[in-house]
Amino acid sequence: MKKDVFIVLSVLLCFSLAACTAQQAVPPASGQNSRQEQSDIQNGTNRSENQSANSQATDLLSRNSETPETEGQKVKLTINGREFDGTLYDTPAANALYDMLPLELNFKDFNGIEKIAFMEKDFPTEGEPDEFDPDVGDLCLYVPWGNLSIFYKDFRSSNGLISLGHLNSDMDLIAAMDHDFSAVLDRAE
């Protein structure tokens, strides 16, 4: 029994020592300035870790020329005379949309997250992912209803949602529109 307790305590001691050596040493200081310095050191470490991760992700994307976001066709969405620049990705569904341009679309708000416009034609969706996690500015196709969506707020991953492209402009004007509106989606010159 004593031998078992000794072994358990020894293992715990080893884990404690290993954890202590993995932490960065911060020079002891007193008062508010030392807390701020310690926070700055930790934030700097986190920032450099994030920059490293972002750099690795960018390298991976640049090596993969098949990523739809790296290629595409330039488009513009015109609402009340204001143009929103965007890019349609190089995917079958996005290319089909590009071939239909110019389009006059009637948008309405949906759930305070996106503006939607129903399409009369079907899009090729074979080979597209089953779901997509949209961000602000994403232009998507919601397959079950056959509508285009412009997300002016971030949303969760959704089944049946296909990424078509992204609007590069500020979404505040679109978000502020509290009524139905018409827009023209066209090829950019």
Protein backbone atom coordinates (compact mmCIF):
# COMPACT_ATOMS: atom_id res chain seq x y z
CA MET A 1 0.00 0.00 0.00
CA LYS A 2 2.76 2.45 0.93
CA LYS A 3 4.61 1.50 -2.22
CA ASP A 4 1.54 2.31 -4.38
CA VAL A 5 1.08 5.70 -2.72
CA PHE A 6 4.77 6.46 -3.25
CA ILE A 7 4.55 5.59 -6.96
CA VAL A 8 1.44 7.76 -7.46
CA LEU A 9 3.08 10.71 -5.68
CA SER A 10 6.24 10.26 -7.75
CA VAL A 11 4.28 10.30 -11.00
CA LEU A 12 2.38 13.43 -9.92
CA LEU A 13 5.66 15.12 -8.99
CA CYS A 14 7.11 14.30 -12.43
CA PHE A 15 4.05 15.78 -14.16
CA SER A 16 4.23 18.91 -12.01
CA LEU A 17 7.91 19.44 -12.79
CA ALA A 18 7.34 18.88 -16.49
CA ALA A 19 4.51 21.43 -16.52
CA CYS A 20 6.65 24.00 -14.70
CA THR A 21 9.53 23.70 -17.14
CA ALA A 22 7.23 24.15 -20.15
CA GLN A 23 6.12 27.62 -19.00
CA GLN A 24 8.05 30.76 -19.92
CA ALA A 25 9.74 32.50 -17.06
CA VAL A 26 8.44 36.00 -16.45
CA PRO A 27 10.70 38.22 -14.33
CA PRO A 28 9.10 39.05 -10.99
CA ALA A 29 7.95 42.63 -10.54
CA SER A 30 5.41 44.36 -8.39
CA GLY A 31 2.39 46.51 -9.06
CA GLN A 32 0.21 47.22 -12.08
CA ASN A 33 3.14 47.61 -14.52
CA SER A 34 4.29 44.03 -13.97
CA ARG A 35 0.80 42.70 -14.71
CA GLN A 36 0.68 44.76 -17.90
CA GLU A 37 4.17 43.55 -18.93
CA GLN A 38 3.19 39.95 -18.26
CA SER A 39 0.01 40.42 -20.31
CA ASP A 40 2.02 42.00 -23.13
CA ILE A 41 4.48 39.09 -23.09
CA GLN A 42 1.65 36.55 -23.22
CA ASN A 43 -0.19 38.48 -25.95
CA GLY A 44 3.02 38.78 -27.94
CA THR A 45 3.51 35.02 -27.68
CA ASN A 46 -0.09 34.40 -28.76
CA ARG A 47 0.26 36.93 -31.57
CA SER A 48 3.42 35.29 -32.91
CA GLU A 49 1.77 31.86 -32.67
CA ASN A 50 -1.26 33.18 -34.60
CA GLN A 51 0.97 34.83 -37.21
CA SER A 52 2.84 31.56 -37.65
CA ALA A 53 -0.41 29.61 -38.05
CA ASN A 54 -1.74 32.21 -40.52
CA SER A 55 1.49 32.05 -42.50
CA GLN A 56 1.28 28.26 -42.68
CA ALA A 57 -2.35 28.44 -43.84
CA THR A 58 -1.46 31.01 -46.51
CA ASP A 59 1.40 28.83 -47.74
CA LEU A 60 -0.93 25.84 -47.93
CA LEU A 61 -3.54 27.81 -49.89
CA SER A 62 -0.99 29.20 -52.32
CA ARG A 63 0.29 25.69 -53.03
CA ASN A 64 -3.23 24.48 -53.85
CA SER A 65 -4.20 26.15 -57.12
CA GLU A 66 -7.53 24.31 -57.11
CA THR A 67 -8.85 26.36 -54.17
CA PRO A 68 -11.86 28.26 -55.55
CA GLU A 69 -11.03 31.40 -53.55
CA THR A 70 -7.74 31.88 -55.42
CA GLU A 71 -9.38 32.14 -58.82
CA GLY A 72 -12.56 33.61 -60.11
CA GLN A 73 -14.41 36.17 -62.13
CA LYS A 74 -14.97 39.74 -61.04
CA VAL A 75 -18.57 40.88 -60.61
CA LYS A 76 -20.42 43.90 -59.32
CA LEU A 77 -23.73 44.15 -57.51
CA THR A 78 -25.51 47.49 -58.04
CA ILE A 79 -28.08 48.65 -55.50
CA ASN A 80 -29.62 52.14 -55.85
CA GLY A 81 -26.62 53.28 -57.90
CA ARG A 82 -24.05 52.00 -55.42
CA GLU A 83 -21.68 49.27 -56.64
CA PHE A 84 -20.39 46.39 -54.54
CA ASP A 85 -17.35 44.64 -56.03
CA GLY A 86 -17.05 40.90 -55.71
CA THR A 87 -15.57 37.70 -57.02
CA LEU A 88 -17.31 34.54 -58.16
CA TYR A 89 -15.19 31.46 -57.48
CA ASP A 90 -14.15 28.99 -60.13
CA THR A 91 -16.75 26.30 -59.40
CA PRO A 92 -19.46 24.80 -61.63
CA ALA A 93 -22.27 26.58 -59.75
CA ALA A 94 -20.49 29.96 -59.70
CA ASN A 95 -19.55 29.64 -63.37
CA ALA A 96 -23.20 28.90 -64.22
CA LEU A 97 -24.22 32.06 -62.38
CA TYR A 98 -21.56 34.08 -64.22
CA ASP A 99 -22.90 32.79 -67.55
CA MET A 100 -26.39 34.11 -66.62
CA LEU A 101 -25.18 37.67 -65.99
CA PRO A 102 -26.48 40.33 -66.04
CA LEU A 103 -29.35 39.49 -63.71
CA GLU A 104 -31.90 41.72 -62.06
CA LEU A 105 -32.60 40.26 -58.63
CA ASN A 106 -35.26 41.05 -56.03
CA PHE A 107 -33.88 40.67 -52.53
CA LYS A 108 -35.64 40.43 -49.21
CA ASP A 109 -34.32 40.01 -45.70
CA PHE A 110 -34.19 36.58 -44.13
CA ASN A 111 -33.76 36.11 -40.36
CA GLY A 112 -31.79 39.33 -39.90
CA ILE A 113 -28.69 37.56 -41.24
CA GLU A 114 -28.88 37.52 -45.02
CA LYS A 115 -30.63 38.99 -48.03
CA ILE A 116 -32.09 36.40 -50.41
CA ALA A 117 -33.26 36.43 -54.03
CA PHE A 118 -34.99 33.50 -55.69
CA MET A 119 -33.62 32.19 -58.98
CA GLU A 120 -35.59 30.78 -61.90
CA LYS A 121 -32.85 28.41 -63.08
CA ASP A 122 -31.18 25.48 -61.35
CA PHE A 123 -27.44 25.40 -60.80
CA PRO A 124 -25.07 22.47 -61.27
CA THR A 125 -24.22 21.31 -57.76
CA GLU A 126 -22.56 17.94 -58.38
CA GLY A 127 -19.24 17.73 -56.59
CA GLU A 128 -19.97 20.73 -54.36
CA PRO A 129 -19.58 20.33 -50.57
CA ASP A 130 -22.76 19.35 -48.71
CA GLU A 131 -22.52 22.33 -46.35
CA PHE A 132 -20.85 25.72 -45.98
CA ASP A 133 -20.05 28.07 -43.06
CA PRO A 134 -20.71 31.59 -44.40
CA ASP A 135 -19.00 34.79 -43.27
CA VAL A 136 -20.00 38.42 -43.78
CA GLY A 137 -19.99 39.21 -47.51
CA ASP A 138 -20.32 35.65 -48.75
CA LEU A 139 -22.52 35.07 -51.79
CA CYS A 140 -24.09 31.62 -51.64
CA LEU A 141 -26.67 29.37 -53.20
CA TYR A 142 -29.16 27.64 -50.92
CA VAL A 143 -29.94 24.53 -52.94
CA PRO A 144 -33.20 23.38 -51.25
CA TRP A 145 -34.94 26.69 -52.04
CA GLY A 146 -32.92 27.70 -55.12
CA ASN A 147 -32.08 31.16 -53.83
CA LEU A 148 -29.00 33.36 -53.80
CA SER A 149 -27.93 34.63 -50.39
CA ILE A 150 -25.78 37.59 -49.42
CA PHE A 151 -24.70 37.24 -45.81
CA TYR A 152 -24.35 40.53 -43.95
CA LYS A 153 -23.83 38.72 -40.64
CA ASP A 154 -21.76 35.68 -39.78
CA PHE A 155 -23.73 32.43 -39.68
CA ARG A 156 -23.22 28.79 -38.78
CA SER A 157 -22.41 25.94 -41.13
CA SER A 158 -25.54 24.95 -43.02
CA ASN A 159 -26.48 21.92 -45.09
CA GLY A 160 -27.45 22.72 -48.66
CA LEU A 161 -25.50 26.01 -48.71
CA ILE A 162 -22.93 26.37 -51.50
CA SER A 163 -20.32 29.10 -51.67
CA LEU A 164 -20.42 31.00 -54.96
CA GLY A 165 -18.24 33.99 -54.19
CA HIS A 166 -17.64 36.96 -51.96
CA LEU A 167 -18.54 40.65 -52.03
CA ASN A 168 -15.47 42.68 -51.11
CA SER A 169 -17.38 45.81 -50.12
CA ASP A 170 -18.70 46.99 -46.78
CA MET A 171 -21.96 45.23 -45.94
CA ASP A 172 -23.37 48.03 -43.74
CA LEU A 173 -25.61 49.45 -46.50
CA ILE A 174 -27.03 46.03 -47.31
CA ALA A 175 -27.53 45.24 -43.63
CA ALA A 176 -29.33 48.55 -43.06
CA MET A 177 -31.88 47.95 -45.83
CA ASP A 178 -35.05 47.05 -43.94
CA HIS A 179 -37.24 46.63 -47.02
CA ASP A 180 -37.22 44.55 -50.20
CA PHE A 181 -34.97 45.94 -52.94
CA SER A 182 -33.87 45.29 -56.51
CA ALA A 183 -30.26 44.86 -57.52
CA VAL A 184 -28.34 44.07 -60.68
CA LEU A 185 -25.59 41.48 -60.58
CA ASP A 186 -23.29 41.91 -63.55
CA ARG A 187 -19.80 41.20 -64.82
CA ALA A 188 -17.23 43.78 -63.74
CA GLU A 189 -15.39 45.56 -66.53
